[in-house]
Structures are given as structure tokens and as C-alpha cells.
Amino acid sequence: MSTTSAENLLLRLYKNQRLAPFYIIRGPLSSNYCPLLEWAHEFSNLLLQQANGLSPQEASDKVKLGHSDLLFITKEIESEGGSEKNKGRAKPLQDHKAYKVDDPHMNSYFKAVQYGPMELEQKFIFVDKGQLISEYFANKWLKTLEEPTANVTTLFLVENQVPLLNTIESRAITLRVQSEDLNETYPIPEEHEDFSTFLKKLSAHWELPKSARKKLDEYCERPSHYHLALDAIKEAPQLRSWLYQTMNDYMLTPNHTLYAQQHWLEEIKWFDKAETFNNSPSERFYGLLRCVIESTAHKVYGD
């Protein structure tokens, strides 16, 4: 499996000790097996290779046997035997019920999140099928979300099309796991493509009121005129999540340097914190838009 941009970014942030406490990892759907769970294991393998200098086989064995700083919370059951190709891979449960507070796997989560890492610089907890977290459960989880343990990162693995509860979405940074067959549905920026061009390309398919559409199109022509985008948001509240995700997709690609991406992640933290102080959407989105446009103007791209 080739290294994805999401893996690269997380490994770079780990190396620089700049990881956030919560991430949402969105990836391709699968009717047979669990590609996001496989991604989590692949990322863990690469992490152990980088952090502990292990060979690919040694890292893989460590992950399979269990690591004190790597926890996988899943609604899956492990296969017993089967073909060599499918051996050890998780089979999907037929009954995809929501996670429960007394779920044994979730008890493991709450125990693990109380303590920091033992061997690595960061503890990683992967929650598979994050869309199965119910509102009731998320409310019980609120203290953990509001007061995260230092040096513990939780990654919610979620199918692309499924929105997560706002309780989690508002506190986590979203990264996408791209695959070749998804490029047409979820395009990524071309090399050195500016944000306004990327936004215009994606927003062409969004259903918006005429007045909001006009303002958004005008903004794409004059991206430094932030008020045009902010006015469009006021007229079409649904534009907030679309615009936020488009900016995030644009910034968290190899087209930008680690410095630019870290600046973006800091802006996201401010964006989330400002909501608790009842800052208006216009105030909060202004900082994000300025960060994205300045990254384009200064051409802070990667190699």
C-alpha cells in the first residue's frame, strides 16, 4: 500500500510533536472489508518504523501482537481462518448498531485515554465506524472531548458520505484518505492550483440560492474580497460545512509545506474555540479564508 497524504501529514506532525487530540479520517466505502481499518494498521506500521527504527515486518508483527500505545476500537469481529488473502482481516458485522456506553471495547477506550503513552511520544486510539457513535454516547463522551488527555490522539474512521455528530465534528480535524477511484468524486488540487480555482471547480455542483451562488462566484473571481464569501455564507448556511471541508481539503495536501499546514491547523483550533465564545460564523470563517488565501499569495508550497 502506498503512503497517503494523510499518513504523511500525521507522521510529520508526530515527528514535530504537533498532533491534535482528535482527527476524523474519511475514506472509501467497501461492501466486503474495512479499508479504513486497514489504513489504520498501515499507518501504525509506518509509525513504528519511523519512531522505533523497525523493519516493515517487525513493525507489522508488533501491531498484530498488540502495542501499549496503539488501540483499535471496532464494531468488527475478526475472521477465523479463511483464505490466505483474507486471513486476519476483519469481516463486517451484519448488525451495525450504535456504540454503547457499556460496550467492552469502549470501556477499553475510557481506560486507555486516562493515561499518556508508555513507549511512543503519542498514544493513538482508532475508533472504527465513527458514524455509529450515537448522540447519547457522544454526550457521555463530552468531558473527554472538552478536556483531552495530553499526548493522546483519537482518530475516528468514518465513511466519506456519512456526517459525524456535531459534538465530534466541531472538535476534530478532518483528513481524507484518497484512492484513485475516488479522485473523480473527491478531486484534489492540481499542483500549484490556487484556492479560488479549486473552489470554483468544486462549488459548480453545489445547490445554492441564486443570490448566494452569485456572491460565491464573485468571490472566486476576487478571492481577496472575503466579504463576498461571508455574505454567501449568511444567505446559505449549508455553505458553511462545504466551504470548511473544501478549505481543509485544499490545505492538507502535499502542495503545501509543513509550516503552512501547521498554520492552518492552528487556525482550525481557533475556529473551534471561537464557537464556544459565540463568535459569529463570519468572524470565524474570516480567519480561515485569510489563512488559505495568504498561503496561495505567498506560494508556500511543498517541494
Protein backbone atom coordinates (compact mmCIF):
# COMPACT_ATOMS: atom_id res chain seq x y z
CA MET A 1 0.00 0.00 0.00
CA SER A 2 1.43 3.38 -0.94
CA THR A 3 1.75 6.13 1.64
CA THR A 4 -1.20 8.53 1.53
CA SER A 5 -1.03 12.28 2.09
CA ALA A 6 -2.99 11.79 5.34
CA GLU A 7 -0.37 9.33 6.60
CA ASN A 8 2.46 11.65 5.57
CA LEU A 9 0.93 14.62 7.34
CA LEU A 10 0.26 12.72 10.56
CA LEU A 11 3.77 11.26 10.59
CA ARG A 12 5.27 14.71 10.08
CA LEU A 13 3.12 16.17 12.86
CA TYR A 14 4.11 13.29 15.15
CA LYS A 15 7.79 13.93 14.46
CA ASN A 16 7.33 17.62 15.29
CA GLN A 17 5.06 16.89 18.29
CA ARG A 18 2.23 18.96 16.82
CA LEU A 19 -0.59 16.41 16.70
CA ALA A 20 -4.12 17.49 17.62
CA PRO A 21 -6.14 15.41 20.10
CA PHE A 22 -8.87 14.45 17.61
CA TYR A 23 -8.98 13.68 13.88
CA ILE A 24 -11.72 12.40 11.59
CA ILE A 25 -10.31 10.14 8.87
CA ARG A 26 -12.65 9.86 5.89
CA GLY A 27 -12.03 7.24 3.27
CA PRO A 28 -13.54 4.97 0.61
CA LEU A 29 -16.54 2.72 1.21
CA SER A 30 -16.27 -1.03 0.93
CA SER A 31 -19.01 -3.65 0.89
CA ASN A 32 -16.64 -6.52 1.70
CA TYR A 33 -13.92 -5.45 4.11
CA CYS A 34 -12.75 -2.43 6.07
CA PRO A 35 -10.28 -0.27 4.11
CA LEU A 36 -10.10 2.38 6.82
CA LEU A 37 -9.22 -0.20 9.45
CA GLU A 38 -6.53 -1.46 7.08
CA TRP A 39 -5.36 2.14 6.67
CA ALA A 40 -5.10 2.45 10.47
CA HIS A 41 -2.92 -0.66 10.65
CA GLU A 42 -0.77 0.54 7.75
CA PHE A 43 -0.30 3.93 9.42
CA SER A 44 0.64 2.17 12.68
CA ASN A 45 3.22 0.09 10.82
CA LEU A 46 4.79 3.21 9.30
CA LEU A 47 4.70 4.97 12.66
CA LEU A 48 6.64 2.18 14.39
CA GLN A 49 9.15 2.07 11.54
CA GLN A 50 9.76 5.81 11.89
CA ALA A 51 9.66 6.08 15.66
CA ASN A 52 11.47 2.87 16.65
CA GLY A 53 13.56 2.13 13.56
CA LEU A 54 11.83 -1.21 12.99
CA SER A 55 11.75 -3.10 9.72
CA PRO A 56 8.36 -3.36 7.93
CA GLN A 57 7.99 -6.98 9.13
CA GLU A 58 8.96 -6.16 12.73
CA ALA A 59 6.51 -3.24 12.79
CA SER A 60 3.72 -5.38 11.32
CA ASP A 61 4.31 -8.10 13.92
CA LYS A 62 4.24 -5.51 16.73
CA VAL A 63 0.89 -4.15 15.54
CA LYS A 64 -0.63 -7.63 15.20
CA LEU A 65 0.54 -8.71 18.66
CA GLY A 66 -0.67 -5.51 20.26
CA HIS A 67 1.15 -2.33 21.26
CA SER A 68 0.63 -0.41 24.50
CA ASP A 69 0.26 2.89 22.64
CA LEU A 70 -1.96 1.66 19.79
CA LEU A 71 -5.61 0.82 20.48
CA PHE A 72 -8.18 -0.21 17.86
CA ILE A 73 -11.86 0.22 18.80
CA THR A 74 -14.04 -1.61 16.32
CA LYS A 75 -17.54 -2.91 15.66
CA GLU A 76 -15.97 -5.75 13.70
CA ILE A 77 -15.30 -9.40 14.50
CA GLU A 78 -12.04 -10.99 13.42
CA SER A 79 -12.17 -13.74 10.84
CA GLU A 80 -11.12 -17.21 11.94
CA GLY A 81 -9.04 -18.78 9.20
CA GLY A 82 -10.39 -18.38 5.67
CA SER A 83 -8.26 -17.93 2.59
CA GLU A 84 -4.68 -16.75 2.93
CA LYS A 85 -5.68 -13.48 1.24
CA ASN A 86 -8.37 -12.74 3.81
CA LYS A 87 -6.69 -14.27 6.85
CA GLY A 88 -6.68 -11.92 9.80
CA ARG A 89 -8.83 -9.31 8.06
CA ALA A 90 -11.98 -8.06 9.73
CA LYS A 91 -15.36 -9.16 8.46
CA PRO A 92 -18.16 -6.61 8.73
CA LEU A 93 -20.95 -7.32 11.19
CA GLN A 94 -24.39 -7.63 9.67
CA ASP A 95 -25.92 -5.67 12.57
CA HIS A 96 -24.36 -2.20 12.53
CA LYS A 97 -25.83 -0.93 15.80
CA ALA A 98 -24.59 2.19 17.52
CA TYR A 99 -21.77 2.06 20.02
CA LYS A 100 -22.99 1.73 23.60
CA VAL A 101 -21.54 3.23 26.75
CA ASP A 102 -21.15 -0.24 28.28
CA ASP A 103 -19.59 -1.70 25.13
CA PRO A 104 -16.47 -3.65 26.28
CA HIS A 105 -14.38 -2.02 23.54
CA MET A 106 -15.43 1.43 24.68
CA ASN A 107 -14.55 0.59 28.26
CA SER A 108 -11.07 -0.10 26.94
CA TYR A 109 -11.10 3.35 25.32
CA PHE A 110 -12.00 5.19 28.52
CA LYS A 111 -9.30 3.33 30.41
CA ALA A 112 -6.68 3.99 27.76
CA VAL A 113 -7.48 7.69 27.38
CA GLN A 114 -6.79 8.32 31.09
CA TYR A 115 -3.07 7.78 30.68
CA GLY A 116 -0.42 9.07 28.32
CA PRO A 117 1.88 6.95 26.13
CA MET A 118 4.36 4.40 27.50
CA GLU A 119 6.70 3.74 24.56
CA LEU A 120 5.91 6.28 21.85
CA GLU A 121 5.73 10.06 22.12
CA GLN A 122 1.96 9.85 21.47
CA LYS A 123 -0.76 7.30 22.14
CA PHE A 124 -3.10 6.60 19.19
CA ILE A 125 -6.67 5.34 19.52
CA PHE A 126 -8.52 4.40 16.33
CA VAL A 127 -12.34 4.30 16.51
CA ASP A 128 -13.68 2.39 13.53
CA LYS A 129 -17.08 3.33 12.02
CA GLY A 130 -17.29 6.61 13.92
CA GLN A 131 -20.69 7.24 12.33
CA LEU A 132 -22.10 4.62 14.73
CA ILE A 133 -21.48 6.87 17.74
CA SER A 134 -24.93 7.92 18.93
CA GLU A 135 -25.84 11.36 20.25
CA TYR A 136 -26.44 9.88 23.71
CA PHE A 137 -23.00 8.30 23.71
CA ALA A 138 -21.34 11.47 22.40
CA ASN A 139 -22.88 13.47 25.26
CA LYS A 140 -21.43 10.96 27.73
CA TRP A 141 -18.11 11.46 25.93
CA LEU A 142 -18.27 15.24 26.21
CA LYS A 143 -15.78 15.62 29.07
CA THR A 144 -13.20 13.59 27.16
CA LEU A 145 -13.75 15.76 24.08
CA GLU A 146 -13.55 19.03 26.01
CA GLU A 147 -10.61 18.04 28.22
CA PRO A 148 -8.42 15.70 26.14
CA THR A 149 -5.53 13.87 27.77
CA ALA A 150 -2.11 15.22 26.80
CA ASN A 151 -0.24 13.19 24.17
CA VAL A 152 -3.27 11.07 23.29
CA THR A 153 -4.73 11.28 19.77
CA THR A 154 -8.07 9.73 18.83
CA LEU A 155 -8.80 9.09 15.15
CA PHE A 156 -12.43 8.49 14.15
CA LEU A 157 -12.58 6.36 10.99
CA VAL A 158 -15.65 7.42 9.03
CA GLU A 159 -17.09 6.64 5.59
CA ASN A 160 -16.93 9.63 3.24
CA GLN A 161 -20.64 10.19 2.77
CA VAL A 162 -21.63 9.93 6.43
CA PRO A 163 -21.59 13.08 8.62
CA LEU A 164 -20.48 12.73 12.23
CA LEU A 165 -22.28 14.28 15.18
CA ASN A 166 -21.54 17.97 15.57
CA THR A 167 -20.23 17.24 19.09
CA ILE A 168 -17.30 15.48 17.44
CA GLU A 169 -17.08 17.32 14.09
CA SER A 170 -16.60 20.67 15.86
CA ARG A 171 -13.66 19.39 17.89
CA ALA A 172 -11.81 17.29 15.33
CA ILE A 173 -9.70 17.97 12.25
CA THR A 174 -10.86 16.11 9.12
CA LEU A 175 -8.38 14.37 6.82
CA ARG A 176 -9.25 12.36 3.72
CA VAL A 177 -7.76 9.07 2.59
CA GLN A 178 -7.82 9.35 -1.18
CA SER A 179 -7.77 6.48 -3.65
CA GLU A 180 -7.51 6.56 -7.44
CA ASP A 181 -11.13 5.57 -7.95
CA LEU A 182 -12.25 8.47 -5.73
CA ASN A 183 -10.34 11.25 -7.49
CA GLU A 184 -13.23 11.98 -9.82
CA THR A 185 -15.74 12.23 -6.94
CA TYR A 186 -13.40 13.90 -4.46
CA PRO A 187 -10.93 15.91 -6.56
CA ILE A 188 -7.69 17.13 -5.08
CA PRO A 189 -5.92 20.35 -6.08
CA GLU A 190 -3.64 20.29 -9.08
CA GLU A 191 -0.02 21.21 -8.40
CA HIS A 192 0.19 24.98 -7.67
CA GLU A 193 -3.57 25.37 -8.25
CA ASP A 194 -4.83 28.42 -6.36
CA PHE A 195 -7.71 28.10 -3.94
CA SER A 196 -10.22 30.17 -5.90
CA THR A 197 -9.82 27.90 -8.95
CA PHE A 198 -10.17 24.78 -6.80
CA LEU A 199 -13.25 26.21 -5.06
CA LYS A 200 -14.89 27.20 -8.34
CA LYS A 201 -14.36 23.69 -9.69
CA LEU A 202 -15.94 22.00 -6.67
CA SER A 203 -18.72 24.51 -5.98
CA ALA A 204 -20.10 24.23 -9.52
CA HIS A 205 -22.11 21.20 -8.32
CA TRP A 206 -23.44 22.74 -5.10
CA GLU A 207 -27.13 23.61 -4.93
CA LEU A 208 -27.34 27.19 -3.66
CA PRO A 209 -29.88 30.04 -3.76
CA LYS A 210 -29.23 32.35 -6.72
CA SER A 211 -28.05 35.24 -4.57
CA ALA A 212 -25.60 33.04 -2.65
CA ARG A 213 -24.38 31.48 -5.90
CA LYS A 214 -23.73 34.91 -7.38
CA LYS A 215 -21.72 36.06 -4.37
CA LEU A 216 -19.71 32.84 -4.26
CA ASP A 217 -18.89 33.09 -7.98
CA GLU A 218 -17.83 36.71 -7.48
CA TYR A 219 -15.61 35.63 -4.60
CA CYS A 220 -13.92 33.03 -6.82
CA GLU A 221 -13.06 35.86 -9.23
CA ARG A 222 -11.85 38.14 -6.41
CA PRO A 223 -10.62 35.82 -3.62
CA SER A 224 -9.11 38.61 -1.51
CA HIS A 225 -12.60 40.12 -1.10
CA TYR A 226 -13.55 37.94 1.85
CA HIS A 227 -16.84 39.73 2.43
CA LEU A 228 -18.27 38.12 -0.72
CA ALA A 229 -17.78 34.61 0.67
CA LEU A 230 -19.02 35.70 4.10
CA ASP A 231 -22.16 37.19 2.57
CA ALA A 232 -22.77 33.94 0.69
CA ILE A 233 -22.49 32.02 3.98
CA LYS A 234 -25.09 34.28 5.59
CA GLU A 235 -27.55 33.62 2.77
CA ALA A 236 -26.88 29.87 2.58
CA PRO A 237 -25.95 28.38 5.99
CA GLN A 238 -25.42 24.95 4.38
CA LEU A 239 -22.42 26.51 2.64
CA ARG A 240 -20.51 26.59 5.92
CA SER A 241 -19.70 22.87 6.07
CA TRP A 242 -19.00 22.68 2.32
CA LEU A 243 -16.65 25.65 2.36
CA TYR A 244 -14.91 24.44 5.51
CA GLN A 245 -14.28 20.98 4.02
CA THR A 246 -13.07 22.46 0.71
CA MET A 247 -10.55 24.67 2.50
CA ASN A 248 -9.40 21.72 4.60
CA ASP A 249 -9.00 19.50 1.52
CA TYR A 250 -7.05 22.26 -0.21
CA MET A 251 -4.63 22.95 2.65
CA LEU A 252 -3.89 19.40 3.78
CA THR A 253 -2.26 18.20 0.58
CA PRO A 254 1.43 17.79 -0.32
CA ASN A 255 1.14 21.04 -2.32
CA HIS A 256 1.78 22.97 0.90
CA THR A 257 4.73 23.00 3.27
CA LEU A 258 4.51 21.63 6.79
CA TYR A 259 4.72 25.24 8.05
CA ALA A 260 1.64 26.22 6.02
CA GLN A 261 -0.25 23.15 7.18
CA GLN A 262 0.62 23.76 10.82
CA HIS A 263 -0.56 27.36 10.43
CA TRP A 264 -3.83 26.03 9.02
CA LEU A 265 -4.29 23.58 11.90
CA GLU A 266 -3.72 26.41 14.38
CA GLU A 267 -6.41 28.43 12.61
CA ILE A 268 -8.79 25.47 12.88
CA LYS A 269 -8.15 25.29 16.63
CA TRP A 270 -9.03 28.99 16.91
CA PHE A 271 -12.07 28.43 14.69
CA ASP A 272 -13.35 25.71 17.04
CA LYS A 273 -12.54 27.63 20.21
CA ALA A 274 -14.24 30.80 18.93
CA GLU A 275 -17.54 28.92 18.69
CA THR A 276 -17.57 28.45 22.47
CA PHE A 277 -17.37 32.25 22.84
CA ASN A 278 -20.35 32.68 20.49
CA ASN A 279 -18.31 34.40 17.79
CA SER A 280 -20.36 34.84 14.63
CA PRO A 281 -19.77 32.49 11.67
CA SER A 282 -18.46 35.48 9.68
CA GLU A 283 -15.79 36.22 12.29
CA ARG A 284 -14.73 32.59 12.47
CA PHE A 285 -14.65 31.98 8.71
CA TYR A 286 -12.72 35.19 8.07
CA GLY A 287 -9.63 33.75 9.77
CA LEU A 288 -9.82 30.53 7.75
CA LEU A 289 -10.27 32.32 4.44
CA ARG A 290 -7.40 34.68 5.15
CA CYS A 291 -5.10 31.77 6.04
CA VAL A 292 -5.92 29.93 2.80
CA ILE A 293 -5.57 32.98 0.54
CA GLU A 294 -2.32 34.07 2.16
CA SER A 295 -0.87 30.60 1.64
CA THR A 296 -1.65 30.96 -2.06
CA ALA A 297 -0.40 34.54 -2.32
CA HIS A 298 2.90 33.71 -0.65
CA LYS A 299 3.19 30.44 -2.58
CA VAL A 300 4.15 28.44 0.49
CA TYR A 301 4.04 25.14 -1.38
CA GLY A 302 5.94 21.97 -0.75
CA ASP A 303 8.66 20.62 -2.94
